[in-house]
PDB file of all heavy atoms in Angstrom:
ATOM      1  N   ASP A   1       0.833  -1.207   0.000  1.00  0.00           N
ATOM      2  CA  ASP A   1       0.000   0.000   0.000  1.00  0.00           C
ATOM      3  C   ASP A   1       0.866   1.255   0.000  1.00  0.00           C
ATOM      4  O   ASP A   1       0.551   2.245  -0.676  1.00  0.00           O
ATOM      5  CB  ASP A   1      -0.918   0.008   1.224  1.00  0.00           C
ATOM      6  CG  ASP A   1      -2.001  -1.056   1.137  1.00  0.00           C
ATOM      7  OD1 ASP A   1      -2.239  -1.564   0.023  1.00  0.00           O
ATOM      8  OD2 ASP A   1      -2.600  -1.384   2.192  1.00  0.00           O
ATOM      9  N   GLU A   2       1.966   1.210   0.748  1.00  0.00           N
ATOM     10  CA  GLU A   2       2.860   2.359   0.821  1.00  0.00           C
ATOM     11  C   GLU A   2       3.540   2.607  -0.533  1.00  0.00           C
ATOM     12  O   GLU A   2       3.676   3.759  -0.973  1.00  0.00           O
ATOM     13  CB  GLU A   2       3.926   2.150   1.905  1.00  0.00           C
ATOM     14  CG  GLU A   2       3.394   2.136   3.321  1.00  0.00           C
ATOM     15  CD  GLU A   2       2.695   0.814   3.682  1.00  0.00           C
ATOM     16  OE1 GLU A   2       2.859  -0.175   2.925  1.00  0.00           O
ATOM     17  OE2 GLU A   2       1.985   0.791   4.708  1.00  0.00           O
ATOM     18  N   GLU A   3       3.975   1.527  -1.168  1.00  0.00           N
ATOM     19  CA  GLU A   3       4.625   1.664  -2.477  1.00  0.00           C
ATOM     20  C   GLU A   3       3.645   2.184  -3.528  1.00  0.00           C
ATOM     21  O   GLU A   3       4.004   3.045  -4.343  1.00  0.00           O
ATOM     22  CB  GLU A   3       5.195   0.312  -2.909  1.00  0.00           C
ATOM     23  CG  GLU A   3       6.400  -0.140  -2.090  1.00  0.00           C
ATOM     24  CD  GLU A   3       6.780  -1.582  -2.355  1.00  0.00           C
ATOM     25  OE1 GLU A   3       5.910  -2.360  -2.828  1.00  0.00           O
ATOM     26  OE2 GLU A   3       7.939  -1.952  -2.080  1.00  0.00           O
ATOM     27  N   PHE A   4       2.418   1.684  -3.498  1.00  0.00           N
ATOM     28  CA  PHE A   4       1.430   2.139  -4.469  1.00  0.00           C
ATOM     29  C   PHE A   4       1.084   3.613  -4.245  1.00  0.00           C
ATOM     30  O   PHE A   4       0.888   4.370  -5.209  1.00  0.00           O
ATOM     31  CB  PHE A   4       0.169   1.284  -4.396  1.00  0.00           C
ATOM     32  CG  PHE A   4      -0.832   1.594  -5.478  1.00  0.00           C
ATOM     33  CD1 PHE A   4      -0.516   1.395  -6.811  1.00  0.00           C
ATOM     34  CD2 PHE A   4      -2.082   2.103  -5.165  1.00  0.00           C
ATOM     35  CE1 PHE A   4      -1.433   1.688  -7.826  1.00  0.00           C
ATOM     36  CE2 PHE A   4      -3.001   2.405  -6.168  1.00  0.00           C
ATOM     37  CZ  PHE A   4      -2.670   2.195  -7.500  1.00  0.00           C
ATOM     38  N   ALA A   5       1.015   4.008  -2.977  1.00  0.00           N
ATOM     39  CA  ALA A   5       0.747   5.421  -2.668  1.00  0.00           C
ATOM     40  C   ALA A   5       1.863   6.304  -3.224  1.00  0.00           C
ATOM     41  O   ALA A   5       1.611   7.416  -3.706  1.00  0.00           O
ATOM     42  CB  ALA A   5       0.610   5.607  -1.164  1.00  0.00           C
ATOM     43  N   MET A   6       3.100   5.794  -3.171  1.00  0.00           N
ATOM     44  CA  MET A   6       4.229   6.541  -3.731  1.00  0.00           C
ATOM     45  C   MET A   6       4.128   6.608  -5.262  1.00  0.00           C
ATOM     46  O   MET A   6       4.354   7.674  -5.868  1.00  0.00           O
ATOM     47  CB  MET A   6       5.543   5.884  -3.323  1.00  0.00           C
ATOM     48  CG  MET A   6       6.789   6.613  -3.822  1.00  0.00           C
ATOM     49  SD  MET A   6       6.969   8.268  -3.097  1.00  0.00           S
ATOM     50  CE  MET A   6       7.422   7.824  -1.413  1.00  0.00           C
ATOM     51  N   ILE A   7       3.766   5.495  -5.898  1.00  0.00           N
ATOM     52  CA  ILE A   7       3.606   5.463  -7.352  1.00  0.00           C
ATOM     53  C   ILE A   7       2.572   6.491  -7.795  1.00  0.00           C
ATOM     54  O   ILE A   7       2.721   7.170  -8.817  1.00  0.00           O
ATOM     55  CB  ILE A   7       3.180   4.061  -7.821  1.00  0.00           C
ATOM     56  CG1 ILE A   7       4.330   3.058  -7.695  1.00  0.00           C
ATOM     57  CG2 ILE A   7       2.679   4.102  -9.259  1.00  0.00           C
ATOM     58  CD1 ILE A   7       5.406   3.199  -8.741  1.00  0.00           C
ATOM     59  N   GLN A   8       1.509   6.631  -7.010  1.00  0.00           N
ATOM     60  CA  GLN A   8       0.429   7.541  -7.377  1.00  0.00           C
ATOM     61  C   GLN A   8       0.835   9.018  -7.324  1.00  0.00           C
ATOM     62  O   GLN A   8       0.077   9.878  -7.779  1.00  0.00           O
ATOM     63  CB  GLN A   8      -0.777   7.310  -6.465  1.00  0.00           C
ATOM     64  CG  GLN A   8      -1.524   6.014  -6.761  1.00  0.00           C
ATOM     65  CD  GLN A   8      -2.782   5.881  -5.916  1.00  0.00           C
ATOM     66  OE1 GLN A   8      -2.753   6.062  -4.701  1.00  0.00           O
ATOM     67  NE2 GLN A   8      -3.886   5.555  -6.561  1.00  0.00           N
ATOM     68  N   LYS A   9       2.013   9.279  -6.829  1.00  0.00           N
ATOM     69  CA  LYS A   9       2.493  10.661  -6.782  1.00  0.00           C
ATOM     70  C   LYS A   9       3.225  11.068  -8.063  1.00  0.00           C
ATOM     71  O   LYS A   9       3.556  12.249  -8.237  1.00  0.00           O
ATOM     72  CB  LYS A   9       3.422  10.856  -5.580  1.00  0.00           C
ATOM     73  CG  LYS A   9       2.705  10.759  -4.233  1.00  0.00           C
ATOM     74  CD  LYS A   9       3.667  10.985  -3.081  1.00  0.00           C
ATOM     75  CE  LYS A   9       2.949  10.885  -1.731  1.00  0.00           C
ATOM     76  NZ  LYS A   9       3.882  11.102  -0.588  1.00  0.00           N
ATOM     77  N   HIS A  10       3.479  10.106  -8.958  1.00  0.00           N
ATOM     78  CA  HIS A  10       4.281  10.465 -10.131  1.00  0.00           C
ATOM     79  C   HIS A  10       3.626  11.519 -11.021  1.00  0.00           C
ATOM     80  O   HIS A  10       4.342  12.327 -11.633  1.00  0.00           O
ATOM     81  CB  HIS A  10       4.670   9.215 -10.947  1.00  0.00           C
ATOM     82  CG  HIS A  10       3.583   8.656 -11.816  1.00  0.00           C
ATOM     83  ND1 HIS A  10       2.683   7.717 -11.375  1.00  0.00           N
ATOM     84  CD2 HIS A  10       3.251   8.912 -13.115  1.00  0.00           C
ATOM     85  CE1 HIS A  10       1.852   7.398 -12.355  1.00  0.00           C
ATOM     86  NE2 HIS A  10       2.169   8.112 -13.423  1.00  0.00           N
ATOM     87  N   PRO A  11       2.292  11.619 -11.119  1.00  0.00           N
ATOM     88  CA  PRO A  11       1.730  12.737 -11.893  1.00  0.00           C
ATOM     89  C   PRO A  11       2.082  14.099 -11.298  1.00  0.00           C
ATOM     90  O   PRO A  11       2.334  15.063 -12.036  1.00  0.00           O
ATOM     91  CB  PRO A  11       0.214  12.482 -11.829  1.00  0.00           C
ATOM     92  CG  PRO A  11       0.084  11.010 -11.590  1.00  0.00           C
ATOM     93  CD  PRO A  11       1.222  10.678 -10.686  1.00  0.00           C
ATOM     94  N   LEU A  12       2.109  14.189  -9.964  1.00  0.00           N
ATOM     95  CA  LEU A  12       2.478  15.442  -9.307  1.00  0.00           C
ATOM     96  C   LEU A  12       3.939  15.781  -9.572  1.00  0.00           C
ATOM     97  O   LEU A  12       4.280  16.942  -9.861  1.00  0.00           O
ATOM     98  CB  LEU A  12       2.222  15.348  -7.808  1.00  0.00           C
ATOM     99  CG  LEU A  12       0.758  15.150  -7.390  1.00  0.00           C
ATOM    100  CD1 LEU A  12       0.680  14.799  -5.903  1.00  0.00           C
ATOM    101  CD2 LEU A  12      -0.049  16.404  -7.688  1.00  0.00           C
ATOM    102  N   TYR A  13       4.804  14.765  -9.495  1.00  0.00           N
ATOM    103  CA  TYR A  13       6.231  14.986  -9.752  1.00  0.00           C
ATOM    104  C   TYR A  13       6.441  15.447 -11.202  1.00  0.00           C
ATOM    105  O   TYR A  13       7.233  16.362 -11.475  1.00  0.00           O
ATOM    106  CB  TYR A  13       7.034  13.714  -9.503  1.00  0.00           C
ATOM    107  CG  TYR A  13       7.006  13.214  -8.078  1.00  0.00           C
ATOM    108  CD1 TYR A  13       7.198  11.860  -7.795  1.00  0.00           C
ATOM    109  CD2 TYR A  13       6.788  14.077  -7.001  1.00  0.00           C
ATOM    110  CE1 TYR A  13       7.176  11.390  -6.500  1.00  0.00           C
ATOM    111  CE2 TYR A  13       6.767  13.614  -5.704  1.00  0.00           C
ATOM    112  CZ  TYR A  13       6.952  12.262  -5.453  1.00  0.00           C
ATOM    113  OH  TYR A  13       6.924  11.796  -4.150  1.00  0.00           O
ATOM    114  N   GLY A  14       5.731  14.802 -12.135  1.00  0.00           N
ATOM    115  CA  GLY A  14       5.876  15.153 -13.545  1.00  0.00           C
ATOM    116  C   GLY A  14       5.431  16.571 -13.834  1.00  0.00           C
ATOM    117  O   GLY A  14       6.114  17.314 -14.549  1.00  0.00           O
ATOM    118  N   ALA A  15       4.278  16.947 -13.292  1.00  0.00           N
ATOM    119  CA  ALA A  15       3.777  18.308 -13.513  1.00  0.00           C
ATOM    120  C   ALA A  15       4.735  19.341 -12.942  1.00  0.00           C
ATOM    121  O   ALA A  15       4.946  20.411 -13.537  1.00  0.00           O
ATOM    122  CB  ALA A  15       2.394  18.446 -12.879  1.00  0.00           C
ATOM    123  N   ARG A  16       5.349  19.021 -11.809  1.00  0.00           N
ATOM    124  CA  ARG A  16       6.295  19.947 -11.195  1.00  0.00           C
ATOM    125  C   ARG A  16       7.534  20.132 -12.074  1.00  0.00           C
ATOM    126  O   ARG A  16       8.010  21.266 -12.276  1.00  0.00           O
ATOM    127  CB  ARG A  16       6.698  19.433  -9.812  1.00  0.00           C
ATOM    128  CG  ARG A  16       7.613  20.365  -9.035  1.00  0.00           C
ATOM    129  CD  ARG A  16       7.892  19.788  -7.660  1.00  0.00           C
ATOM    130  NE  ARG A  16       8.614  18.521  -7.749  1.00  0.00           N
ATOM    131  CZ  ARG A  16       8.747  17.660  -6.730  1.00  0.00           C
ATOM    132  NH1 ARG A  16       8.197  17.942  -5.559  1.00  0.00           N
ATOM    133  NH2 ARG A  16       9.421  16.549  -6.880  1.00  0.00           N
ATOM    134  N   LEU A  17       8.066  19.030 -12.600  1.00  0.00           N
ATOM    135  CA  LEU A  17       9.238  19.107 -13.470  1.00  0.00           C
ATOM    136  C   LEU A  17       8.930  19.921 -14.733  1.00  0.00           C
ATOM    137  O   LEU A  17       9.740  20.754 -15.170  1.00  0.00           O
ATOM    138  CB  LEU A  17       9.697  17.704 -13.876  1.00  0.00           C
ATOM    139  CG  LEU A  17      10.389  16.855 -12.803  1.00  0.00           C
ATOM    140  CD1 LEU A  17      10.541  15.424 -13.293  1.00  0.00           C
ATOM    141  CD2 LEU A  17      11.760  17.443 -12.482  1.00  0.00           C
ATOM    142  N   LEU A  18       7.772  19.691 -15.328  1.00  0.00           N
ATOM    143  CA  LEU A  18       7.411  20.366 -16.575  1.00  0.00           C
ATOM    144  C   LEU A  18       7.087  21.839 -16.352  1.00  0.00           C
ATOM    145  O   LEU A  18       7.352  22.679 -17.222  1.00  0.00           O
ATOM    146  CB  LEU A  18       6.232  19.643 -17.225  1.00  0.00           C
ATOM    147  CG  LEU A  18       6.555  18.222 -17.712  1.00  0.00           C
ATOM    148  CD1 LEU A  18       5.287  17.502 -18.155  1.00  0.00           C
ATOM    149  CD2 LEU A  18       7.570  18.260 -18.858  1.00  0.00           C
ATOM    150  N   LYS A  19       6.543  22.156 -15.189  1.00  0.00           N
ATOM    151  CA  LYS A  19       6.282  23.572 -14.877  1.00  0.00           C
ATOM    152  C   LYS A  19       7.592  24.320 -14.718  1.00  0.00           C
ATOM    153  O   LYS A  19       7.738  25.455 -15.206  1.00  0.00           O
ATOM    154  CB  LYS A  19       5.456  23.679 -13.594  1.00  0.00           C
ATOM    155  CG  LYS A  19       5.082  25.117 -13.253  1.00  0.00           C
ATOM    156  CD  LYS A  19       4.199  25.191 -12.006  1.00  0.00           C
ATOM    157  CE  LYS A  19       3.820  26.635 -11.698  1.00  0.00           C
ATOM    158  NZ  LYS A  19       2.943  26.730 -10.504  1.00  0.00           N
ATOM    159  N   ALA A  20       8.567  23.675 -14.076  1.00  0.00           N
ATOM    160  CA  ALA A  20       9.878  24.313 -13.895  1.00  0.00           C
ATOM    161  C   ALA A  20      10.561  24.561 -15.238  1.00  0.00           C
ATOM    162  O   ALA A  20      11.329  25.518 -15.394  1.00  0.00           O
ATOM    163  CB  ALA A  20      10.760  23.448 -12.996  1.00  0.00           C
ATOM    164  N   ALA A  21      10.256  23.676 -16.221  1.00  0.00           N
ATOM    165  CA  ALA A  21      10.850  23.828 -17.552  1.00  0.00           C
ATOM    166  C   ALA A  21       9.998  24.720 -18.454  1.00  0.00           C
ATOM    167  O   ALA A  21      10.292  24.862 -19.648  1.00  0.00           O
ATOM    168  CB  ALA A  21      11.019  22.455 -18.199  1.00  0.00           C
ATOM    169  N   ASN A  22       8.932  25.308 -17.887  1.00  0.00           N
ATOM    170  CA  ASN A  22       8.051  26.220 -18.624  1.00  0.00           C
ATOM    171  C   ASN A  22       7.406  25.547 -19.827  1.00  0.00           C
ATOM    172  O   ASN A  22       7.274  26.133 -20.910  1.00  0.00           O
ATOM    173  CB  ASN A  22       8.816  27.469 -19.077  1.00  0.00           C
ATOM    174  CG  ASN A  22       7.879  28.616 -19.411  1.00  0.00           C
ATOM    175  OD1 ASN A  22       6.790  28.739 -18.840  1.00  0.00           O
ATOM    176  ND2 ASN A  22       8.286  29.460 -20.351  1.00  0.00           N
ATOM    177  N   ALA A  23       6.979  24.299 -19.655  1.00  0.00           N
ATOM    178  CA  ALA A  23       6.314  23.553 -20.729  1.00  0.00           C
ATOM    179  C   ALA A  23       4.907  24.102 -20.958  1.00  0.00           C
ATOM    180  O   ALA A  23       4.308  24.724 -20.073  1.00  0.00           O
ATOM    181  CB  ALA A  23       6.237  22.072 -20.376  1.00  0.00           C
ATOM    182  N   ASP A  24       4.373  23.857 -22.145  1.00  0.00           N
ATOM    183  CA  ASP A  24       3.007  24.243 -22.479  1.00  0.00           C
ATOM    184  C   ASP A  24       2.037  23.670 -21.435  1.00  0.00           C
ATOM    185  O   ASP A  24       2.211  22.551 -20.951  1.00  0.00           O
ATOM    186  CB  ASP A  24       2.666  23.695 -23.873  1.00  0.00           C
ATOM    187  CG  ASP A  24       1.289  24.130 -24.360  1.00  0.00           C
ATOM    188  OD1 ASP A  24       0.287  23.550 -23.891  1.00  0.00           O
ATOM    189  OD2 ASP A  24       1.221  25.027 -25.214  1.00  0.00           O
ATOM    190  N   LEU A  25       0.999  24.444 -21.100  1.00  0.00           N
ATOM    191  CA  LEU A  25       0.049  24.035 -20.070  1.00  0.00           C
ATOM    192  C   LEU A  25      -0.595  22.689 -20.392  1.00  0.00           C
ATOM    193  O   LEU A  25      -0.819  21.867 -19.495  1.00  0.00           O
ATOM    194  CB  LEU A  25      -1.040  25.100 -19.905  1.00  0.00           C
ATOM    195  CG  LEU A  25      -2.142  24.793 -18.870  1.00  0.00           C
ATOM    196  CD1 LEU A  25      -1.535  24.628 -17.476  1.00  0.00           C
ATOM    197  CD2 LEU A  25      -3.192  25.893 -18.873  1.00  0.00           C
ATOM    198  N   ARG A  26      -0.878  22.420 -21.680  1.00  0.00           N
ATOM    199  CA  ARG A  26      -1.513  21.153 -22.039  1.00  0.00           C
ATOM    200  C   ARG A  26      -0.582  19.970 -21.814  1.00  0.00           C
ATOM    201  O   ARG A  26      -1.032  18.871 -21.443  1.00  0.00           O
ATOM    202  CB  ARG A  26      -1.980  21.200 -23.496  1.00  0.00           C
ATOM    203  CG  ARG A  26      -3.196  22.101 -23.703  1.00  0.00           C
ATOM    204  CD  ARG A  26      -3.523  22.261 -25.172  1.00  0.00           C
ATOM    205  NE  ARG A  26      -2.504  23.050 -25.853  1.00  0.00           N
ATOM    206  CZ  ARG A  26      -2.551  23.344 -27.154  1.00  0.00           C
ATOM    207  NH1 ARG A  26      -3.560  22.910 -27.895  1.00  0.00           N
ATOM    208  NH2 ARG A  26      -1.605  24.075 -27.698  1.00  0.00           N
ATOM    209  N   ILE A  27       0.703  20.195 -21.996  1.00  0.00           N
ATOM    210  CA  ILE A  27       1.680  19.133 -21.733  1.00  0.00           C
ATOM    211  C   ILE A  27       1.773  18.876 -20.236  1.00  0.00           C
ATOM    212  O   ILE A  27       1.824  17.721 -19.781  1.00  0.00           O
ATOM    213  CB  ILE A  27       3.055  19.512 -22.324  1.00  0.00           C
ATOM    214  CG1 ILE A  27       2.966  19.588 -23.853  1.00  0.00           C
ATOM    215  CG2 ILE A  27       4.128  18.515 -21.900  1.00  0.00           C
ATOM    216  CD1 ILE A  27       4.232  20.083 -24.521  1.00  0.00           C
ATOM    217  N   ARG A  28       1.768  19.948 -19.458  1.00  0.00           N
ATOM    218  CA  ARG A  28       1.802  19.794 -17.998  1.00  0.00           C
ATOM    219  C   ARG A  28       0.542  19.102 -17.491  1.00  0.00           C
ATOM    220  O   ARG A  28       0.603  18.215 -16.626  1.00  0.00           O
ATOM    221  CB  ARG A  28       1.950  21.165 -17.344  1.00  0.00           C
ATOM    222  CG  ARG A  28       3.345  21.747 -17.456  1.00  0.00           C
ATOM    223  CD  ARG A  28       3.389  23.263 -17.477  1.00  0.00           C
ATOM    224  NE  ARG A  28       2.539  23.887 -16.471  1.00  0.00           N
ATOM    225  CZ  ARG A  28       2.255  25.195 -16.453  1.00  0.00           C
ATOM    226  NH1 ARG A  28       2.746  25.992 -17.402  1.00  0.00           N
ATOM    227  NH2 ARG A  28       1.495  25.703 -15.516  1.00  0.00           N
ATOM    228  N   ASN A  29      -0.612  19.481 -18.038  1.00  0.00           N
ATOM    229  CA  ASN A  29      -1.861  18.865 -17.611  1.00  0.00           C
ATOM    230  C   ASN A  29      -1.909  17.375 -17.962  1.00  0.00           C
ATOM    231  O   ASN A  29      -2.477  16.572 -17.225  1.00  0.00           O
ATOM    232  CB  ASN A  29      -3.054  19.573 -18.244  1.00  0.00           C
ATOM    233  CG  ASN A  29      -3.392  20.879 -17.553  1.00  0.00           C
ATOM    234  OD1 ASN A  29      -3.012  21.089 -16.407  1.00  0.00           O
ATOM    235  ND2 ASN A  29      -4.104  21.757 -18.242  1.00  0.00           N
ATOM    236  N   ALA A  30      -1.324  17.011 -19.100  1.00  0.00           N
ATOM    237  CA  ALA A  30      -1.296  15.600 -19.490  1.00  0.00           C
ATOM    238  C   ALA A  30      -0.519  14.773 -18.469  1.00  0.00           C
ATOM    239  O   ALA A  30      -0.929  13.663 -18.106  1.00  0.00           O
ATOM    240  CB  ALA A  30      -0.678  15.449 -20.878  1.00  0.00           C
ATOM    241  N   ALA A  31       0.610  15.313 -18.001  1.00  0.00           N
ATOM    242  CA  ALA A  31       1.390  14.617 -16.978  1.00  0.00           C
ATOM    243  C   ALA A  31       0.627  14.536 -15.662  1.00  0.00           C
ATOM    244  O   ALA A  31       0.644  13.510 -14.975  1.00  0.00           O
ATOM    245  CB  ALA A  31       2.725  15.329 -16.771  1.00  0.00           C
ATOM    246  N   LEU A  32      -0.068  15.602 -15.319  1.00  0.00           N
ATOM    247  CA  LEU A  32      -0.772  15.671 -14.041  1.00  0.00           C
ATOM    248  C   LEU A  32      -2.061  14.859 -14.036  1.00  0.00           C
ATOM    249  O   LEU A  32      -2.422  14.270 -13.011  1.00  0.00           O
ATOM    250  CB  LEU A  32      -1.093  17.139 -13.720  1.00  0.00           C
ATOM    251  CG  LEU A  32      -1.850  17.412 -12.419  1.00  0.00           C
ATOM    252  CD1 LEU A  32      -1.028  16.967 -11.205  1.00  0.00           C
ATOM    253  CD2 LEU A  32      -2.215  18.889 -12.319  1.00  0.00           C
ATOM    254  N   GLN A  33      -2.750  14.784 -15.174  1.00  0.00           N
ATOM    255  CA  GLN A  33      -4.122  14.267 -15.180  1.00  0.00           C
ATOM    256  C   GLN A  33      -4.332  12.947 -15.923  1.00  0.00           C
ATOM    257  O   GLN A  33      -5.468  12.479 -16.021  1.00  0.00           O
ATOM    258  CB  GLN A  33      -5.054  15.320 -15.807  1.00  0.00           C
ATOM    259  CG  GLN A  33      -5.067  16.653 -15.084  1.00  0.00           C
ATOM    260  CD  GLN A  33      -5.883  17.701 -15.831  1.00  0.00           C
ATOM    261  OE1 GLN A  33      -6.532  17.437 -16.841  1.00  0.00           O
ATOM    262  NE2 GLN A  33      -5.831  18.935 -15.334  1.00  0.00           N
ATOM    263  N   HIS A  34      -3.286  12.297 -16.435  1.00  0.00           N
ATOM    264  CA  HIS A  34      -3.523  11.115 -17.270  1.00  0.00           C
ATOM    265  C   HIS A  34      -4.057   9.914 -16.495  1.00  0.00           C
ATOM    266  O   HIS A  34      -4.480   8.924 -17.108  1.00  0.00           O
ATOM    267  CB  HIS A  34      -2.258  10.728 -18.056  1.00  0.00           C
ATOM    268  CG  HIS A  34      -1.123  10.244 -17.216  1.00  0.00           C
ATOM    269  ND1 HIS A  34      -0.244  11.109 -16.579  1.00  0.00           N
ATOM    270  CD2 HIS A  34      -0.701   8.993 -16.907  1.00  0.00           C
ATOM    271  CE1 HIS A  34       0.658  10.402 -15.935  1.00  0.00           C
ATOM    272  NE2 HIS A  34       0.408   9.115 -16.122  1.00  0.00           N
ATOM    273  N   HIS A  35      -4.061   9.978 -15.153  1.00  0.00           N
ATOM    274  CA  HIS A  35      -4.702   8.919 -14.354  1.00  0.00           C
ATOM    275  C   HIS A  35      -6.041   9.365 -13.771  1.00  0.00           C
ATOM    276  O   HIS A  35      -6.651   8.625 -12.996  1.00  0.00           O
ATOM    277  CB  HIS A  35      -3.773   8.455 -13.229  1.00  0.00           C
ATOM    278  CG  HIS A  35      -2.689   7.539 -13.702  1.00  0.00           C
ATOM    279  ND1 HIS A  35      -2.926   6.247 -14.113  1.00  0.00           N
ATOM    280  CD2 HIS A  35      -1.347   7.746 -13.847  1.00  0.00           C
ATOM    281  CE1 HIS A  35      -1.781   5.682 -14.485  1.00  0.00           C
ATOM    282  NE2 HIS A  35      -0.810   6.576 -14.332  1.00  0.00           N
ATOM    283  N   GLU A  36      -6.498  10.542 -14.141  1.00  0.00           N
ATOM    284  CA  GLU A  36      -7.838  10.968 -13.744  1.00  0.00           C
ATOM    285  C   GLU A  36      -8.862  10.241 -14.618  1.00  0.00           C
ATOM    286  O   GLU A  36      -8.553   9.858 -15.749  1.00  0.00           O
ATOM    287  CB  GLU A  36      -7.998  12.484 -13.901  1.00  0.00           C
ATOM    288  CG  GLU A  36      -7.022  13.327 -13.099  1.00  0.00           C
ATOM    289  CD  GLU A  36      -7.301  13.329 -11.599  1.00  0.00           C
ATOM    290  OE1 GLU A  36      -8.283  12.664 -11.168  1.00  0.00           O
ATOM    291  OE2 GLU A  36      -6.547  13.990 -10.867  1.00  0.00           O
ATOM    292  N   ARG A  37     -10.069  10.045 -14.101  1.00  0.00           N
ATOM    293  CA  ARG A  37     -11.111   9.357 -14.844  1.00  0.00           C
ATOM    294  C   ARG A  37     -12.388  10.175 -14.818  1.00  0.00           C
ATOM    295  O   ARG A  37     -12.689  10.863 -13.846  1.00  0.00           O
ATOM    296  CB  ARG A  37     -11.363   7.963 -14.260  1.00  0.00           C
ATOM    297  CG  ARG A  37     -10.160   7.027 -14.347  1.00  0.00           C
ATOM    298  CD  ARG A  37      -9.837   6.682 -15.793  1.00  0.00           C
ATOM    299  NE  ARG A  37      -8.673   5.802 -15.918  1.00  0.00           N
ATOM    300  CZ  ARG A  37      -7.455   6.208 -16.259  1.00  0.00           C
ATOM    301  NH1 ARG A  37      -7.217   7.506 -16.478  1.00  0.00           N
ATOM    302  NH2 ARG A  37      -6.470   5.331 -16.370  1.00  0.00           N
ATOM    303  N   PHE A  38     -13.186  10.084 -15.886  1.00  0.00           N
ATOM    304  CA  PHE A  38     -14.356  10.941 -16.041  1.00  0.00           C
ATOM    305  C   PHE A  38     -15.404  10.726 -14.954  1.00  0.00           C
ATOM    306  O   PHE A  38     -16.237  11.592 -14.718  1.00  0.00           O
ATOM    307  CB  PHE A  38     -14.971  10.734 -17.425  1.00  0.00           C
ATOM    308  CG  PHE A  38     -14.536  11.781 -18.419  1.00  0.00           C
ATOM    309  CD1 PHE A  38     -13.200  12.159 -18.521  1.00  0.00           C
ATOM    310  CD2 PHE A  38     -15.458  12.399 -19.239  1.00  0.00           C
ATOM    311  CE1 PHE A  38     -12.795  13.122 -19.419  1.00  0.00           C
ATOM    312  CE2 PHE A  38     -15.060  13.369 -20.153  1.00  0.00           C
ATOM    313  CZ  PHE A  38     -13.735  13.747 -20.239  1.00  0.00           C
ATOM    314  N   ASP A  39     -15.388   9.556 -14.296  1.00  0.00           N
ATOM    315  CA  ASP A  39     -16.355   9.315 -13.220  1.00  0.00           C
ATOM    316  C   ASP A  39     -15.810   9.735 -11.856  1.00  0.00           C
ATOM    317  O   ASP A  39     -16.429   9.477 -10.824  1.00  0.00           O
ATOM    318  CB  ASP A  39     -16.764   7.842 -13.181  1.00  0.00           C
ATOM    319  CG  ASP A  39     -15.587   6.904 -12.941  1.00  0.00           C
ATOM    320  OD1 ASP A  39     -14.433   7.390 -12.821  1.00  0.00           O
ATOM    321  OD2 ASP A  39     -15.804   5.682 -12.874  1.00  0.00           O
ATOM    322  N   GLY A  40     -14.623  10.377 -11.843  1.00  0.00           N
ATOM    323  CA  GLY A  40     -14.043  10.851 -10.586  1.00  0.00           C
ATOM    324  C   GLY A  40     -13.265   9.810  -9.819  1.00  0.00           C
ATOM    325  O   GLY A  40     -12.816  10.083  -8.698  1.00  0.00           O
ATOM    326  N   SER A  41     -13.051   8.639 -10.398  1.00  0.00           N
ATOM    327  CA  SER A  41     -12.384   7.550  -9.677  1.00  0.00           C
ATOM    328  C   SER A  41     -10.866   7.557  -9.812  1.00  0.00           C
ATOM    329  O   SER A  41     -10.191   6.692  -9.254  1.00  0.00           O
ATOM    330  CB  SER A  41     -12.918   6.197 -10.172  1.00  0.00           C
ATOM    331  OG  SER A  41     -12.596   6.003 -11.550  1.00  0.00           O
ATOM    332  N   GLY A  42     -10.322   8.524 -10.560  1.00  0.00           N
ATOM    333  CA  GLY A  42      -8.885   8.529 -10.784  1.00  0.00           C
ATOM    334  C   GLY A  42      -8.103   9.295  -9.731  1.00  0.00           C
ATOM    335  O   GLY A  42      -8.619   9.669  -8.679  1.00  0.00           O
TER     336      GLY A  42
END
């Protein structure tokens, strides 16, 4: 459970790296949101 909780942080880490590199907002959102789901379960 602890390892999976850590894995689930990778979208946050990715968005942070891309924001620091001044990437396009859509690219940053893709890193941050690709595990989100339309029913709110992501």
